[in-house]
Amino acid sequence: TITRDSAKNTVSLQMNSLKPEDTAVYYCHYK
């Protein structure tokens, strides 16, 4: 689940039920 908190200028990614194939470097991006 991706969420945005405009008051704190943060974007979060809640990751549940993680699998080995989720292994990676995760990058935040703004466009």
PDB file of all heavy atoms in Angstrom:
ATOM      1  N   THR A   1       0.843  -1.191   0.000  1.00  0.00           N
ATOM      2  CA  THR A   1       0.000   0.000   0.000  1.00  0.00           C
ATOM      3  C   THR A   1       0.876   1.237   0.000  1.00  0.00           C
ATOM      4  O   THR A   1       1.749   1.382   0.872  1.00  0.00           O
ATOM      5  CB  THR A   1      -0.926   0.023   1.226  1.00  0.00           C
ATOM      6  OG1 THR A   1      -1.718  -1.173   1.257  1.00  0.00           O
ATOM      7  CG2 THR A   1      -1.861   1.230   1.169  1.00  0.00           C
ATOM      8  N   ILE A   2       0.638   2.129  -0.945  1.00  0.00           N
ATOM      9  CA  ILE A   2       1.362   3.399  -1.001  1.00  0.00           C
ATOM     10  C   ILE A   2       0.475   4.496  -0.413  1.00  0.00           C
ATOM     11  O   ILE A   2      -0.720   4.556  -0.697  1.00  0.00           O
ATOM     12  CB  ILE A   2       1.791   3.743  -2.449  1.00  0.00           C
ATOM     13  CG1 ILE A   2       2.673   4.984  -2.472  1.00  0.00           C
ATOM     14  CG2 ILE A   2       0.588   3.906  -3.363  1.00  0.00           C
ATOM     15  CD1 ILE A   2       3.329   5.260  -3.831  1.00  0.00           C
ATOM     16  N   THR A   3       1.076   5.320   0.436  1.00  0.00           N
ATOM     17  CA  THR A   3       0.345   6.437   1.025  1.00  0.00           C
ATOM     18  C   THR A   3       1.226   7.677   1.014  1.00  0.00           C
ATOM     19  O   THR A   3       2.453   7.585   0.947  1.00  0.00           O
ATOM     20  CB  THR A   3      -0.079   6.143   2.472  1.00  0.00           C
ATOM     21  OG1 THR A   3       1.082   5.776   3.239  1.00  0.00           O
ATOM     22  CG2 THR A   3      -1.097   5.015   2.535  1.00  0.00           C
ATOM     23  N   ARG A   4       0.561   8.814   1.123  1.00  0.00           N
ATOM     24  CA  ARG A   4       1.257  10.102   1.097  1.00  0.00           C
ATOM     25  C   ARG A   4       0.797  10.917   2.296  1.00  0.00           C
ATOM     26  O   ARG A   4      -0.394  10.993   2.578  1.00  0.00           O
ATOM     27  CB  ARG A   4       0.922  10.837  -0.202  1.00  0.00           C
ATOM     28  CG  ARG A   4       1.557  12.195  -0.367  1.00  0.00           C
ATOM     29  CD  ARG A   4       1.137  12.797  -1.703  1.00  0.00           C
ATOM     30  NE  ARG A   4      -0.297  13.017  -1.746  1.00  0.00           N
ATOM     31  CZ  ARG A   4      -1.019  12.986  -2.857  1.00  0.00           C
ATOM     32  NH1 ARG A   4      -0.447  12.715  -4.007  1.00  0.00           N
ATOM     33  NH2 ARG A   4      -2.313  13.208  -2.816  1.00  0.00           N
ATOM     34  N   ASP A   5       1.741  11.516   2.986  1.00  0.00           N
ATOM     35  CA  ASP A   5       1.434  12.417   4.106  1.00  0.00           C
ATOM     36  C   ASP A   5       1.920  13.804   3.706  1.00  0.00           C
ATOM     37  O   ASP A   5       3.120  14.095   3.776  1.00  0.00           O
ATOM     38  CB  ASP A   5       2.126  11.926   5.382  1.00  0.00           C
ATOM     39  CG  ASP A   5       1.731  12.743   6.600  1.00  0.00           C
ATOM     40  OD1 ASP A   5       1.363  13.924   6.447  1.00  0.00           O
ATOM     41  OD2 ASP A   5       1.823  12.209   7.716  1.00  0.00           O
ATOM     42  N   SER A   6       0.994  14.642   3.278  1.00  0.00           N
ATOM     43  CA  SER A   6       1.374  15.956   2.776  1.00  0.00           C
ATOM     44  C   SER A   6       1.892  16.872   3.877  1.00  0.00           C
ATOM     45  O   SER A   6       2.707  17.744   3.618  1.00  0.00           O
ATOM     46  CB  SER A   6       0.174  16.598   2.083  1.00  0.00           C
ATOM     47  OG  SER A   6      -0.262  15.787   1.006  1.00  0.00           O
ATOM     48  N   ALA A   7       1.431  16.670   5.091  1.00  0.00           N
ATOM     49  CA  ALA A   7       1.884  17.506   6.205  1.00  0.00           C
ATOM     50  C   ALA A   7       3.355  17.260   6.517  1.00  0.00           C
ATOM     51  O   ALA A   7       4.078  18.158   6.929  1.00  0.00           O
ATOM     52  CB  ALA A   7       1.033  17.247   7.437  1.00  0.00           C
ATOM     53  N   LYS A   8       3.786  16.014   6.304  1.00  0.00           N
ATOM     54  CA  LYS A   8       5.168  15.652   6.621  1.00  0.00           C
ATOM     55  C   LYS A   8       6.032  15.528   5.375  1.00  0.00           C
ATOM     56  O   LYS A   8       7.226  15.227   5.465  1.00  0.00           O
ATOM     57  CB  LYS A   8       5.196  14.323   7.384  1.00  0.00           C
ATOM     58  CG  LYS A   8       4.514  14.379   8.734  1.00  0.00           C
ATOM     59  CD  LYS A   8       4.604  13.045   9.451  1.00  0.00           C
ATOM     60  CE  LYS A   8       3.925  13.101  10.802  1.00  0.00           C
ATOM     61  NZ  LYS A   8       3.982  11.799  11.499  1.00  0.00           N
ATOM     62  N   ASN A   9       5.447  15.740   4.198  1.00  0.00           N
ATOM     63  CA  ASN A   9       6.177  15.570   2.938  1.00  0.00           C
ATOM     64  C   ASN A   9       6.838  14.194   2.849  1.00  0.00           C
ATOM     65  O   ASN A   9       8.026  14.078   2.501  1.00  0.00           O
ATOM     66  CB  ASN A   9       7.227  16.663   2.750  1.00  0.00           C
ATOM     67  CG  ASN A   9       6.672  17.855   2.014  1.00  0.00           C
ATOM     68  OD1 ASN A   9       5.466  18.082   2.001  1.00  0.00           O
ATOM     69  ND2 ASN A   9       7.551  18.638   1.415  1.00  0.00           N
ATOM     70  N   THR A  10       6.074  13.176   3.177  1.00  0.00           N
ATOM     71  CA  THR A  10       6.597  11.816   3.084  1.00  0.00           C
ATOM     72  C   THR A  10       5.657  10.942   2.259  1.00  0.00           C
ATOM     73  O   THR A  10       4.441  11.165   2.230  1.00  0.00           O
ATOM     74  CB  THR A  10       6.791  11.173   4.466  1.00  0.00           C
ATOM     75  OG1 THR A  10       5.524  11.160   5.142  1.00  0.00           O
ATOM     76  CG2 THR A  10       7.805  11.924   5.295  1.00  0.00           C
ATOM     77  N   VAL A  11       6.244   9.964   1.609  1.00  0.00           N
ATOM     78  CA  VAL A  11       5.471   8.936   0.929  1.00  0.00           C
ATOM     79  C   VAL A  11       5.964   7.598   1.463  1.00  0.00           C
ATOM     80  O   VAL A  11       7.167   7.398   1.635  1.00  0.00           O
ATOM     81  CB  VAL A  11       5.611   9.025  -0.608  1.00  0.00           C
ATOM     82  CG1 VAL A  11       7.052   8.919  -1.056  1.00  0.00           C
ATOM     83  CG2 VAL A  11       4.743   7.985  -1.294  1.00  0.00           C
ATOM     84  N   SER A  12       5.033   6.726   1.772  1.00  0.00           N
ATOM     85  CA  SER A  12       5.384   5.460   2.403  1.00  0.00           C
ATOM     86  C   SER A  12       4.898   4.282   1.569  1.00  0.00           C
ATOM     87  O   SER A  12       3.969   4.416   0.764  1.00  0.00           O
ATOM     88  CB  SER A  12       4.766   5.381   3.801  1.00  0.00           C
ATOM     89  OG  SER A  12       5.274   6.409   4.630  1.00  0.00           O
ATOM     90  N   LEU A  13       5.537   3.156   1.793  1.00  0.00           N
ATOM     91  CA  LEU A  13       5.127   1.920   1.144  1.00  0.00           C
ATOM     92  C   LEU A  13       5.042   0.844   2.220  1.00  0.00           C
ATOM     93  O   LEU A  13       6.067   0.419   2.768  1.00  0.00           O
ATOM     94  CB  LEU A  13       6.126   1.503   0.064  1.00  0.00           C
ATOM     95  CG  LEU A  13       5.711   0.276  -0.766  1.00  0.00           C
ATOM     96  CD1 LEU A  13       4.514   0.628  -1.661  1.00  0.00           C
ATOM     97  CD2 LEU A  13       6.881  -0.217  -1.624  1.00  0.00           C
ATOM     98  N   GLN A  14       3.824   0.450   2.556  1.00  0.00           N
ATOM     99  CA  GLN A  14       3.612  -0.631   3.507  1.00  0.00           C
ATOM    100  C   GLN A  14       3.624  -1.933   2.731  1.00  0.00           C
ATOM    101  O   GLN A  14       2.836  -2.113   1.797  1.00  0.00           O
ATOM    102  CB  GLN A  14       2.276  -0.462   4.230  1.00  0.00           C
ATOM    103  CG  GLN A  14       1.942  -1.581   5.200  1.00  0.00           C
ATOM    104  CD  GLN A  14       2.886  -1.633   6.385  1.00  0.00           C
ATOM    105  OE1 GLN A  14       3.247  -0.600   6.935  1.00  0.00           O
ATOM    106  NE2 GLN A  14       3.294  -2.831   6.771  1.00  0.00           N
ATOM    107  N   MET A  15       4.525  -2.822   3.120  1.00  0.00           N
ATOM    108  CA  MET A  15       4.688  -4.084   2.401  1.00  0.00           C
ATOM    109  C   MET A  15       4.361  -5.236   3.337  1.00  0.00           C
ATOM    110  O   MET A  15       5.033  -5.428   4.353  1.00  0.00           O
ATOM    111  CB  MET A  15       6.126  -4.199   1.886  1.00  0.00           C
ATOM    112  CG  MET A  15       6.570  -3.020   1.045  1.00  0.00           C
ATOM    113  SD  MET A  15       8.199  -3.247   0.289  1.00  0.00           S
ATOM    114  CE  MET A  15       9.220  -3.274   1.751  1.00  0.00           C
ATOM    115  N   ASN A  16       3.332  -5.975   3.010  1.00  0.00           N
ATOM    116  CA  ASN A  16       2.905  -7.122   3.806  1.00  0.00           C
ATOM    117  C   ASN A  16       3.062  -8.407   2.993  1.00  0.00           C
ATOM    118  O   ASN A  16       3.206  -8.366   1.769  1.00  0.00           O
ATOM    119  CB  ASN A  16       1.446  -6.958   4.225  1.00  0.00           C
ATOM    120  CG  ASN A  16       1.212  -5.739   5.086  1.00  0.00           C
ATOM    121  OD1 ASN A  16       2.080  -5.335   5.862  1.00  0.00           O
ATOM    122  ND2 ASN A  16       0.043  -5.137   4.949  1.00  0.00           N
ATOM    123  N   SER A  17       3.031  -9.523   3.701  1.00  0.00           N
ATOM    124  CA  SER A  17       3.132 -10.843   3.058  1.00  0.00           C
ATOM    125  C   SER A  17       4.306 -10.892   2.085  1.00  0.00           C
ATOM    126  O   SER A  17       4.168 -11.327   0.936  1.00  0.00           O
ATOM    127  CB  SER A  17       1.819 -11.165   2.320  1.00  0.00           C
ATOM    128  OG  SER A  17       0.725 -11.136   3.210  1.00  0.00           O
ATOM    129  N   LEU A  18       5.438 -10.450   2.570  1.00  0.00           N
ATOM    130  CA  LEU A  18       6.609 -10.350   1.700  1.00  0.00           C
ATOM    131  C   LEU A  18       7.084 -11.723   1.239  1.00  0.00           C
ATOM    132  O   LEU A  18       6.997 -12.720   1.981  1.00  0.00           O
ATOM    133  CB  LEU A  18       7.735  -9.607   2.416  1.00  0.00           C
ATOM    134  CG  LEU A  18       7.530  -8.089   2.457  1.00  0.00           C
ATOM    135  CD1 LEU A  18       8.363  -7.451   3.548  1.00  0.00           C
ATOM    136  CD2 LEU A  18       7.866  -7.483   1.099  1.00  0.00           C
ATOM    137  N   LYS A  19       7.589 -11.737   0.009  1.00  0.00           N
ATOM    138  CA  LYS A  19       8.081 -12.958  -0.616  1.00  0.00           C
ATOM    139  C   LYS A  19       9.555 -12.794  -0.979  1.00  0.00           C
ATOM    140  O   LYS A  19      10.010 -11.657  -1.177  1.00  0.00           O
ATOM    141  CB  LYS A  19       7.281 -13.242  -1.895  1.00  0.00           C
ATOM    142  CG  LYS A  19       5.782 -13.320  -1.698  1.00  0.00           C
ATOM    143  CD  LYS A  19       5.079 -13.479  -3.036  1.00  0.00           C
ATOM    144  CE  LYS A  19       3.572 -13.531  -2.872  1.00  0.00           C
ATOM    145  NZ  LYS A  19       2.868 -13.689  -4.181  1.00  0.00           N
ATOM    146  N   PRO A  20      10.276 -13.879  -1.111  1.00  0.00           N
ATOM    147  CA  PRO A  20      11.686 -13.760  -1.515  1.00  0.00           C
ATOM    148  C   PRO A  20      11.863 -12.970  -2.818  1.00  0.00           C
ATOM    149  O   PRO A  20      12.852 -12.254  -2.962  1.00  0.00           O
ATOM    150  CB  PRO A  20      12.116 -15.222  -1.682  1.00  0.00           C
ATOM    151  CG  PRO A  20      11.258 -15.974  -0.715  1.00  0.00           C
ATOM    152  CD  PRO A  20       9.922 -15.271  -0.760  1.00  0.00           C
ATOM    153  N   GLU A  21      10.912 -13.067  -3.714  1.00  0.00           N
ATOM    154  CA  GLU A  21      11.020 -12.339  -4.979  1.00  0.00           C
ATOM    155  C   GLU A  21      10.801 -10.835  -4.837  1.00  0.00           C
ATOM    156  O   GLU A  21      10.973 -10.095  -5.815  1.00  0.00           O
ATOM    157  CB  GLU A  21      10.053 -12.910  -6.026  1.00  0.00           C
ATOM    158  CG  GLU A  21       8.617 -13.055  -5.564  1.00  0.00           C
ATOM    159  CD  GLU A  21       8.309 -14.456  -5.057  1.00  0.00           C
ATOM    160  OE1 GLU A  21       9.129 -15.038  -4.317  1.00  0.00           O
ATOM    161  OE2 GLU A  21       7.210 -14.953  -5.389  1.00  0.00           O
ATOM    162  N   ASP A  22      10.435 -10.389  -3.656  1.00  0.00           N
ATOM    163  CA  ASP A  22      10.349  -8.945  -3.391  1.00  0.00           C
ATOM    164  C   ASP A  22      11.720  -8.362  -3.050  1.00  0.00           C
ATOM    165  O   ASP A  22      11.859  -7.140  -2.898  1.00  0.00           O
ATOM    166  CB  ASP A  22       9.387  -8.665  -2.239  1.00  0.00           C
ATOM    167  CG  ASP A  22       7.949  -9.032  -2.579  1.00  0.00           C
ATOM    168  OD1 ASP A  22       7.520  -8.744  -3.711  1.00  0.00           O
ATOM    169  OD2 ASP A  22       7.264  -9.599  -1.705  1.00  0.00           O
ATOM    170  N   THR A  23      12.714  -9.212  -2.905  1.00  0.00           N
ATOM    171  CA  THR A  23      14.062  -8.745  -2.589  1.00  0.00           C
ATOM    172  C   THR A  23      14.584  -7.847  -3.695  1.00  0.00           C
ATOM    173  O   THR A  23      14.580  -8.229  -4.871  1.00  0.00           O
ATOM    174  CB  THR A  23      15.007  -9.945  -2.392  1.00  0.00           C
ATOM    175  OG1 THR A  23      14.582 -10.698  -1.251  1.00  0.00           O
ATOM    176  CG2 THR A  23      16.443  -9.484  -2.191  1.00  0.00           C
ATOM    177  N   ALA A  24      14.992  -6.644  -3.323  1.00  0.00           N
ATOM    178  CA  ALA A  24      15.457  -5.654  -4.303  1.00  0.00           C
ATOM    179  C   ALA A  24      15.894  -4.395  -3.565  1.00  0.00           C
ATOM    180  O   ALA A  24      15.665  -4.257  -2.359  1.00  0.00           O
ATOM    181  CB  ALA A  24      14.337  -5.306  -5.282  1.00  0.00           C
ATOM    182  N   VAL A  25      16.504  -3.500  -4.309  1.00  0.00           N
ATOM    183  CA  VAL A  25      16.705  -2.141  -3.816  1.00  0.00           C
ATOM    184  C   VAL A  25      15.468  -1.339  -4.222  1.00  0.00           C
ATOM    185  O   VAL A  25      15.074  -1.354  -5.394  1.00  0.00           O
ATOM    186  CB  VAL A  25      17.975  -1.498  -4.394  1.00  0.00           C
ATOM    187  CG1 VAL A  25      18.116  -0.065  -3.887  1.00  0.00           C
ATOM    188  CG2 VAL A  25      19.207  -2.320  -4.008  1.00  0.00           C
ATOM    189  N   TYR A  26      14.865  -0.678  -3.250  1.00  0.00           N
ATOM    190  CA  TYR A  26      13.647   0.088  -3.490  1.00  0.00           C
ATOM    191  C   TYR A  26      13.996   1.577  -3.550  1.00  0.00           C
ATOM    192  O   TYR A  26      14.702   2.091  -2.673  1.00  0.00           O
ATOM    193  CB  TYR A  26      12.637  -0.176  -2.380  1.00  0.00           C
ATOM    194  CG  TYR A  26      11.949  -1.519  -2.541  1.00  0.00           C
ATOM    195  CD1 TYR A  26      12.652  -2.710  -2.329  1.00  0.00           C
ATOM    196  CD2 TYR A  26      10.612  -1.608  -2.924  1.00  0.00           C
ATOM    197  CE1 TYR A  26      12.044  -3.939  -2.491  1.00  0.00           C
ATOM    198  CE2 TYR A  26       9.982  -2.833  -3.085  1.00  0.00           C
ATOM    199  CZ  TYR A  26      10.709  -3.990  -2.877  1.00  0.00           C
ATOM    200  OH  TYR A  26      10.098  -5.207  -3.046  1.00  0.00           O
ATOM    201  N   TYR A  27      13.469   2.241  -4.576  1.00  0.00           N
ATOM    202  CA  TYR A  27      13.757   3.644  -4.821  1.00  0.00           C
ATOM    203  C   TYR A  27      12.480   4.474  -4.789  1.00  0.00           C
ATOM    204  O   TYR A  27      11.452   4.093  -5.358  1.00  0.00           O
ATOM    205  CB  TYR A  27      14.396   3.817  -6.200  1.00  0.00           C
ATOM    206  CG  TYR A  27      15.730   3.142  -6.373  1.00  0.00           C
ATOM    207  CD1 TYR A  27      15.824   1.844  -6.845  1.00  0.00           C
ATOM    208  CD2 TYR A  27      16.913   3.818  -6.073  1.00  0.00           C
ATOM    209  CE1 TYR A  27      17.039   1.220  -7.013  1.00  0.00           C
ATOM    210  CE2 TYR A  27      18.146   3.204  -6.239  1.00  0.00           C
ATOM    211  CZ  TYR A  27      18.199   1.907  -6.705  1.00  0.00           C
ATOM    212  OH  TYR A  27      19.415   1.297  -6.876  1.00  0.00           O
ATOM    213  N   CYS A  28      12.594   5.603  -4.181  1.00  0.00           N
ATOM    214  CA  CYS A  28      11.532   6.608  -4.198  1.00  0.00           C
ATOM    215  C   CYS A  28      11.729   7.470  -5.447  1.00  0.00           C
ATOM    216  O   CYS A  28      12.874   7.784  -5.823  1.00  0.00           O
ATOM    217  CB  CYS A  28      11.646   7.452  -2.927  1.00  0.00           C
ATOM    218  SG  CYS A  28      10.442   8.761  -2.759  1.00  0.00           S
ATOM    219  N   HIS A  29      10.638   7.869  -6.071  1.00  0.00           N
ATOM    220  CA  HIS A  29      10.715   8.679  -7.296  1.00  0.00           C
ATOM    221  C   HIS A  29       9.643   9.747  -7.265  1.00  0.00           C
ATOM    222  O   HIS A  29       8.506   9.515  -6.831  1.00  0.00           O
ATOM    223  CB  HIS A  29      10.521   7.782  -8.517  1.00  0.00           C
ATOM    224  CG  HIS A  29      10.690   8.494  -9.818  1.00  0.00           C
ATOM    225  ND1 HIS A  29       9.624   8.947 -10.572  1.00  0.00           N
ATOM    226  CD2 HIS A  29      11.801   8.839 -10.506  1.00  0.00           C
ATOM    227  CE1 HIS A  29      10.078   9.534 -11.659  1.00  0.00           C
ATOM    228  NE2 HIS A  29      11.395   9.472 -11.647  1.00  0.00           N
ATOM    229  N   TYR A  30      10.018  10.924  -7.713  1.00  0.00           N
ATOM    230  CA  TYR A  30       9.084  12.053  -7.828  1.00  0.00           C
ATOM    231  C   TYR A  30       9.205  12.610  -9.237  1.00  0.00           C
ATOM    232  O   TYR A  30      10.309  12.785  -9.759  1.00  0.00           O
ATOM    233  CB  TYR A  30       9.422  13.133  -6.803  1.00  0.00           C
ATOM    234  CG  TYR A  30       8.644  14.420  -6.997  1.00  0.00           C
ATOM    235  CD1 TYR A  30       7.353  14.553  -6.512  1.00  0.00           C
ATOM    236  CD2 TYR A  30       9.201  15.508  -7.674  1.00  0.00           C
ATOM    237  CE1 TYR A  30       6.635  15.725  -6.690  1.00  0.00           C
ATOM    238  CE2 TYR A  30       8.492  16.681  -7.860  1.00  0.00           C
ATOM    239  CZ  TYR A  30       7.209  16.789  -7.360  1.00  0.00           C
ATOM    240  OH  TYR A  30       6.495  17.948  -7.543  1.00  0.00           O
ATOM    241  N   LYS A  31       8.043  12.884  -9.844  1.00  0.00           N
ATOM    242  CA  LYS A  31       8.081  13.438 -11.185  1.00  0.00           C
ATOM    243  C   LYS A  31       7.053  14.539 -11.333  1.00  0.00           C
ATOM    244  O   LYS A  31       5.867  14.366 -11.023  1.00  0.00           O
ATOM    245  CB  LYS A  31       7.808  12.362 -12.236  1.00  0.00           C
ATOM    246  CG  LYS A  31       7.917  12.881 -13.662  1.00  0.00           C
ATOM    247  CD  LYS A  31       7.816  11.771 -14.674  1.00  0.00           C
ATOM    248  CE  LYS A  31       7.982  12.319 -16.079  1.00  0.00           C
ATOM    249  NZ  LYS A  31       7.909  11.247 -17.102  1.00  0.00           N
TER     250      LYS A  31
END
